[in-house]
C-alpha atoms as a PDB file:
ATOM      1  CA  MET A   1      35.278 -43.409  41.592  1.00  0.00           C
ATOM      2  CA  THR A   2      33.645 -40.733  43.738  1.00  0.00           C
ATOM      3  CA  ILE A   3      31.131 -38.233  42.432  1.00  0.00           C
ATOM      4  CA  THR A   4      33.543 -35.334  42.999  1.00  0.00           C
ATOM      5  CA  THR A   5      36.350 -37.114  41.140  1.00  0.00           C
ATOM      6  CA  ALA A   6      34.019 -37.965  38.245  1.00  0.00           C
ATOM      7  CA  LEU A   7      32.674 -34.404  38.068  1.00  0.00           C
ATOM      8  CA  ASP A   8      36.133 -32.827  38.279  1.00  0.00           C
ATOM      9  CA  ASP A   9      37.295 -35.150  35.506  1.00  0.00           C
ATOM     10  CA  LEU A  10      34.304 -34.280  33.295  1.00  0.00           C
ATOM     11  CA  ILE A  11      34.885 -30.546  33.791  1.00  0.00           C
ATOM     12  CA  THR A  12      38.564 -30.986  32.856  1.00  0.00           C
ATOM     13  CA  ARG A  13      37.707 -33.095  29.790  1.00  0.00           C
ATOM     14  CA  TYR A  14      35.077 -30.544  28.780  1.00  0.00           C
ATOM     15  CA  VAL A  15      37.413 -27.546  28.932  1.00  0.00           C
ATOM     16  CA  ASP A  16      40.137 -29.556  27.172  1.00  0.00           C
ATOM     17  CA  ALA A  17      37.748 -30.539  24.343  1.00  0.00           C
ATOM     18  CA  TYR A  18      36.876 -26.902  23.663  1.00  0.00           C
ATOM     19  CA  GLU A  19      40.526 -25.851  23.810  1.00  0.00           C
ATOM     20  CA  ALA A  20      41.495 -28.640  21.381  1.00  0.00           C
ATOM     21  CA  ALA A  21      38.729 -27.549  18.982  1.00  0.00           C
ATOM     22  CA  GLN A  22      39.733 -23.898  19.434  1.00  0.00           C
ATOM     23  CA  VAL A  23      36.143 -23.015  20.293  1.00  0.00           C
ATOM     24  CA  PRO A  24      35.486 -20.615  23.176  1.00  0.00           C
ATOM     25  CA  LEU A  25      33.198 -21.692  25.997  1.00  0.00           C
ATOM     26  CA  MET A  26      30.085 -19.537  25.494  1.00  0.00           C
ATOM     27  CA  THR A  27      26.776 -19.334  27.330  1.00  0.00           C
ATOM     28  CA  GLU A  28      23.740 -17.102  27.335  1.00  0.00           C
ATOM     29  CA  ALA A  29      24.103 -14.578  30.126  1.00  0.00           C
ATOM     30  CA  ASN A  30      21.316 -13.890  32.554  1.00  0.00           C
ATOM     31  CA  ASP A  31      21.136 -10.112  32.834  1.00  0.00           C
ATOM     32  CA  THR A  32      19.575 -10.247  36.311  1.00  0.00           C
ATOM     33  CA  TRP A  33      22.759 -11.488  37.969  1.00  0.00           C
ATOM     34  CA  GLN A  34      26.527 -11.335  37.698  1.00  0.00           C
ATOM     35  CA  ALA A  35      27.689 -14.941  37.741  1.00  0.00           C
ATOM     36  CA  PRO A  36      31.220 -15.899  38.794  1.00  0.00           C
ATOM     37  CA  ILE A  37      31.609 -17.997  35.624  1.00  0.00           C
ATOM     38  CA  TYR A  38      31.270 -15.026  33.268  1.00  0.00           C
ATOM     39  CA  LYS A  39      34.562 -13.903  31.724  1.00  0.00           C
ATOM     40  CA  GLY A  40      34.373 -10.328  30.568  1.00  0.00           C
ATOM     41  CA  ALA A  41      31.500  -8.285  29.243  1.00  0.00           C
ATOM     42  CA  VAL A  42      28.252  -9.673  27.913  1.00  0.00           C
ATOM     43  CA  ALA A  43      27.973  -9.222  24.138  1.00  0.00           C
ATOM     44  CA  ALA A  44      25.057  -7.436  22.481  1.00  0.00           C
ATOM     45  CA  ASP A  45      23.500 -10.823  21.661  1.00  0.00           C
ATOM     46  CA  ASP A  46      23.501 -11.728  25.403  1.00  0.00           C
ATOM     47  CA  TRP A  47      26.270 -14.301  25.033  1.00  0.00           C
ATOM     48  CA  VAL A  48      29.334 -14.315  27.240  1.00  0.00           C
ATOM     49  CA  GLU A  49      32.481 -16.373  27.468  1.00  0.00           C
ATOM     50  CA  TRP A  50      32.609 -18.488  30.610  1.00  0.00           C
ATOM     51  CA  GLN A  51      34.882 -20.680  32.677  1.00  0.00           C
ATOM     52  CA  PRO A  52      34.084 -23.214  35.401  1.00  0.00           C
ATOM     53  CA  VAL A  53      34.662 -21.926  38.933  1.00  0.00           C
ATOM     54  CA  MET A  54      34.886 -24.157  41.982  1.00  0.00           C
ATOM     55  CA  GLN A  55      32.306 -23.166  44.583  1.00  0.00           C
ATOM     56  CA  GLN A  56      33.781 -21.667  47.742  1.00  0.00           C
ATOM     57  CA  GLN A  57      30.919 -22.936  49.859  1.00  0.00           C
ATOM     58  CA  GLY A  58      28.747 -25.774  48.603  1.00  0.00           C
ATOM     59  CA  LEU A  59      25.051 -25.280  48.047  1.00  0.00           C
ATOM     60  CA  ASP A  60      22.961 -25.748  51.197  1.00  0.00           C
ATOM     61  CA  PHE A  61      19.984 -28.017  50.550  1.00  0.00           C
ATOM     62  CA  SER A  62      18.845 -28.226  54.193  1.00  0.00           C
ATOM     63  CA  ASP A  63      15.992 -25.677  54.042  1.00  0.00           C
ATOM     64  CA  LEU A  64      14.447 -27.306  50.976  1.00  0.00           C
ATOM     65  CA  MET A  65      14.914 -30.842  52.295  1.00  0.00           C
ATOM     66  CA  ASN A  66      13.311 -29.836  55.613  1.00  0.00           C
ATOM     67  CA  ALA A  67      10.411 -28.087  53.873  1.00  0.00           C
ATOM     68  CA  LEU A  68       9.783 -31.118  51.648  1.00  0.00           C
ATOM     69  CA  GLU A  69      10.559 -33.576  54.460  1.00  0.00           C
ATOM     70  CA  GLU A  70      12.678 -35.374  51.874  1.00  0.00           C
ATOM     71  CA  PRO A  71      16.425 -35.923  52.196  1.00  0.00           C
ATOM     72  CA  PHE A  72      18.230 -35.607  48.872  1.00  0.00           C
ATOM     73  CA  HIS A  73      20.657 -38.244  47.623  1.00  0.00           C
ATOM     74  CA  ASP A  74      24.264 -37.404  48.532  1.00  0.00           C
ATOM     75  CA  ASP A  75      25.397 -37.668  44.889  1.00  0.00           C
ATOM     76  CA  PHE A  76      22.839 -35.062  43.840  1.00  0.00           C
ATOM     77  CA  LYS A  77      23.934 -32.675  46.573  1.00  0.00           C
ATOM     78  CA  ALA A  78      27.608 -33.179  45.689  1.00  0.00           C
ATOM     79  CA  TYR A  79      26.910 -32.598  41.974  1.00  0.00           C
ATOM     80  CA  PHE A  80      25.355 -29.178  42.545  1.00  0.00           C
ATOM     81  CA  SER A  81      27.765 -28.196  45.344  1.00  0.00           C
ATOM     82  CA  ARG A  82      31.098 -28.545  43.547  1.00  0.00           C
ATOM     83  CA  TRP A  83      31.276 -26.234  40.503  1.00  0.00           C
ATOM     84  CA  PHE A  84      29.662 -23.135  39.093  1.00  0.00           C
ATOM     85  CA  SER A  85      29.470 -23.787  35.365  1.00  0.00           C
ATOM     86  CA  ALA A  86      27.346 -23.274  32.303  1.00  0.00           C
ATOM     87  CA  ASP A  87      25.273 -26.258  31.195  1.00  0.00           C
ATOM     88  CA  LEU A  88      27.476 -28.961  29.684  1.00  0.00           C
ATOM     89  CA  ALA A  89      26.776 -30.465  26.264  1.00  0.00           C
ATOM     90  CA  VAL A  90      27.674 -34.153  26.370  1.00  0.00           C
ATOM     91  CA  PHE A  91      27.095 -37.406  24.565  1.00  0.00           C
ATOM     92  CA  TRP A  92      25.826 -40.459  26.371  1.00  0.00           C
ATOM     93  CA  GLN A  93      26.296 -43.425  24.040  1.00  0.00           C
ATOM     94  CA  GLN A  94      25.986 -41.091  21.031  1.00  0.00           C
ATOM     95  CA  HIS A  95      22.830 -39.401  22.401  1.00  0.00           C
ATOM     96  CA  PRO A  96      23.216 -35.611  22.792  1.00  0.00           C
ATOM     97  CA  LEU A  97      22.362 -34.396  26.285  1.00  0.00           C
ATOM     98  CA  TRP A  98      22.620 -31.197  28.312  1.00  0.00           C
ATOM     99  CA  LEU A  99      23.757 -31.479  31.930  1.00  0.00           C
ATOM    100  CA  LEU A 100      22.440 -28.600  33.988  1.00  0.00           C
ATOM    101  CA  HIS A 101      24.783 -26.580  36.169  1.00  0.00           C
ATOM    102  CA  LEU A 102      24.597 -23.453  38.264  1.00  0.00           C
ATOM    103  CA  HIS A 103      25.975 -20.153  36.999  1.00  0.00           C
ATOM    104  CA  GLY A 104      26.090 -18.814  40.567  1.00  0.00           C
ATOM    105  CA  ASP A 105      24.117 -18.369  43.779  1.00  0.00           C
ATOM    106  CA  ASP A 106      21.086 -16.725  42.121  1.00  0.00           C
ATOM    107  CA  ASP A 107      20.854 -19.601  39.668  1.00  0.00           C
ATOM    108  CA  ALA A 108      21.028 -22.012  42.618  1.00  0.00           C
ATOM    109  CA  GLU A 109      17.895 -20.462  44.111  1.00  0.00           C
ATOM    110  CA  ARG A 110      16.076 -20.940  40.814  1.00  0.00           C
ATOM    111  CA  MET A 111      17.212 -24.572  40.576  1.00  0.00           C
ATOM    112  CA  LEU A 112      16.079 -25.307  44.152  1.00  0.00           C
ATOM    113  CA  ALA A 113      12.631 -23.864  43.412  1.00  0.00           C
ATOM    114  CA  ASN A 114      12.380 -25.992  40.257  1.00  0.00           C
ATOM    115  CA  GLN A 115      13.471 -29.117  42.151  1.00  0.00           C
ATOM    116  CA  ALA A 116      10.788 -28.415  44.788  1.00  0.00           C
ATOM    117  CA  GLY A 117       8.144 -28.276  42.067  1.00  0.00           C
ATOM    118  CA  HIS A 118       9.485 -31.489  40.534  1.00  0.00           C
ATOM    119  CA  VAL A 119       9.397 -33.362  43.866  1.00  0.00           C
ATOM    120  CA  LEU A 120       5.869 -32.123  44.616  1.00  0.00           C
ATOM    121  CA  MET A 121       4.715 -33.239  41.147  1.00  0.00           C
ATOM    122  CA  LYS A 122       6.220 -36.701  41.736  1.00  0.00           C
ATOM    123  CA  ARG A 123       4.384 -36.971  45.054  1.00  0.00           C
ATOM    124  CA  ARG A 124       1.090 -35.852  43.526  1.00  0.00           C
ATOM    125  CA  LEU A 125       1.484 -38.480  40.788  1.00  0.00           C
ATOM    126  CA  LYS A 126       2.510 -41.116  43.369  1.00  0.00           C
ATOM    127  CA  GLN A 127       5.766 -41.791  41.505  1.00  0.00           C
ATOM    128  CA  PRO A 128       9.205 -42.519  42.935  1.00  0.00           C
ATOM    129  CA  ILE A 129      11.036 -39.293  43.758  1.00  0.00           C
ATOM    130  CA  THR A 130      13.626 -38.261  41.186  1.00  0.00           C
ATOM    131  CA  LEU A 131      15.771 -35.144  40.958  1.00  0.00           C
ATOM    132  CA  PHE A 132      16.505 -33.743  37.522  1.00  0.00           C
ATOM    133  CA  LEU A 133      20.052 -33.202  36.268  1.00  0.00           C
ATOM    134  CA  GLY A 134      19.601 -32.340  32.611  1.00  0.00           C
ATOM    135  CA  LEU A 135      17.734 -32.695  29.347  1.00  0.00           C
ATOM    136  CA  ALA A 136      17.956 -34.790  26.222  1.00  0.00           C
ATOM    137  CA  GLU A 137      18.559 -32.598  23.192  1.00  0.00           C
ATOM    138  CA  GLU A 138      16.015 -34.430  21.040  1.00  0.00           C
ATOM    139  CA  SER A 139      13.088 -33.578  23.325  1.00  0.00           C
ATOM    140  CA  ASP A 140      12.876 -30.793  25.904  1.00  0.00           C
ATOM    141  CA  ASP A 141      10.451 -32.832  28.019  1.00  0.00           C
ATOM    142  CA  LEU A 142      12.873 -35.784  28.305  1.00  0.00           C
ATOM    143  CA  LEU A 143      14.776 -35.352  31.555  1.00  0.00           C
ATOM    144  CA  ILE A 144      17.983 -36.899  32.840  1.00  0.00           C
ATOM    145  CA  SER A 145      17.188 -37.629  36.459  1.00  0.00           C
ATOM    146  CA  LEU A 146      18.623 -39.257  39.543  1.00  0.00           C
ATOM    147  CA  ASP A 147      16.445 -41.702  41.472  1.00  0.00           C
ATOM    148  CA  ASN A 148      16.509 -40.240  44.978  1.00  0.00           C
ATOM    149  CA  SER A 149      16.339 -43.681  46.622  1.00  0.00           C
ATOM    150  CA  THR A 150      18.797 -45.702  44.538  1.00  0.00           C
ATOM    151  CA  GLY A 151      21.058 -43.057  43.002  1.00  0.00           C
ATOM    152  CA  GLU A 152      20.514 -44.521  39.536  1.00  0.00           C
ATOM    153  CA  VAL A 153      20.635 -42.060  36.651  1.00  0.00           C
ATOM    154  CA  GLY A 154      17.931 -42.488  34.056  1.00  0.00           C
ATOM    155  CA  LEU A 155      15.575 -40.928  31.552  1.00  0.00           C
ATOM    156  CA  GLU A 156      12.024 -39.823  32.219  1.00  0.00           C
ATOM    157  CA  PHE A 157       9.476 -37.735  30.417  1.00  0.00           C
ATOM    158  CA  VAL A 158       8.012 -34.900  32.467  1.00  0.00           C
ATOM    159  CA  GLY A 159       5.175 -36.312  34.562  1.00  0.00           C
ATOM    160  CA  GLN A 160       6.266 -39.925  34.041  1.00  0.00           C
ATOM    161  CA  PRO A 161       8.467 -42.266  36.093  1.00  0.00           C
ATOM    162  CA  GLN A 162      11.983 -43.105  34.959  1.00  0.00           C
ATOM    163  CA  HIS A 163      11.665 -45.483  32.014  1.00  0.00           C
ATOM    164  CA  GLU A 164      15.320 -46.234  31.284  1.00  0.00           C
ATOM    165  CA  VAL A 165      18.309 -46.543  33.616  1.00  0.00           C
ATOM    166  CA  LEU A 166      21.481 -45.156  32.044  1.00  0.00           C
ATOM    167  CA  ALA A 167      23.904 -45.788  34.912  1.00  0.00           C
ATOM    168  CA  THR A 168      23.821 -47.262  38.393  1.00  0.00           C
ATOM    169  CA  SER A 169      25.405 -44.124  39.863  1.00  0.00           C
ATOM    170  CA  LEU A 170      25.985 -40.503  38.992  1.00  0.00           C
ATOM    171  CA  ALA A 171      29.756 -41.050  39.136  1.00  0.00           C
ATOM    172  CA  GLU A 172      29.458 -43.817  36.524  1.00  0.00           C
ATOM    173  CA  PHE A 173      27.208 -41.646  34.350  1.00  0.00           C
ATOM    174  CA  LEU A 174      29.597 -38.680  34.455  1.00  0.00           C
ATOM    175  CA  SER A 175      32.678 -40.806  33.820  1.00  0.00           C
ATOM    176  CA  LYS A 176      31.068 -42.331  30.713  1.00  0.00           C
ATOM    177  CA  SER A 177      29.699 -39.041  29.367  1.00  0.00           C
ATOM    178  CA  THR A 178      31.710 -37.526  26.522  1.00  0.00           C
ATOM    179  CA  PRO A 179      32.092 -33.747  26.105  1.00  0.00           C
ATOM    180  CA  ARG A 180      30.379 -32.405  22.993  1.00  0.00           C
ATOM    181  CA  VAL A 181      31.728 -29.246  21.377  1.00  0.00           C
ATOM    182  CA  VAL A 182      28.846 -27.122  20.101  1.00  0.00           C
ATOM    183  CA  GLU A 183      28.484 -23.654  18.682  1.00  0.00           C
ATOM    184  CA  LYS A 184      26.549 -21.173  20.781  1.00  0.00           C
ATOM    185  CA  GLU A 185      23.399 -21.322  18.614  1.00  0.00           C
ATOM    186  CA  THR A 186      22.592 -24.838  19.886  1.00  0.00           C
ATOM    187  CA  SER A 187      22.622 -24.035  23.608  1.00  0.00           C
ATOM    188  CA  ILE A 188      19.509 -24.768  25.660  1.00  0.00           C
ATOM    189  CA  GLY A 189      19.922 -21.356  27.347  1.00  0.00           C
END
């Protein structure tokens, strides 16, 4: 299974799970940008209904990769270049996780800056380069990351190397992740 097929399937399963539970897809809105995923007006509590939107033009990583002199794994680039979406709440073997996604182009710039800081930290600590994809719900310093050399998806605490491999590829990880329907109060926002 390709990364795009696995991601498309997860997005479909995610939307279907919310529809089956009759729970609207909600996310905290960022008031500094108008994201293509936002459906309608932002409520007084800064929450807005959303829908996934396929990107018209995939995210360009070339400037950051050139600046860091570090090519990024193709799966990572494909993951962040396919959909605009709110973060996805999923289970991985009964463990609640949040998979990060981009609300729109402004959010992409923020993510690229955060990835640059992450890569520079890894270099400073002389650790294998990883790229973060999400967070474990039980601890906000427990990252879901992709090993930039092998493509393996694993867990790592901030400032530490990956300590547990969850899947040998991002496609495998996404295909085995289960959508988790949550109320808006539990979002990582």
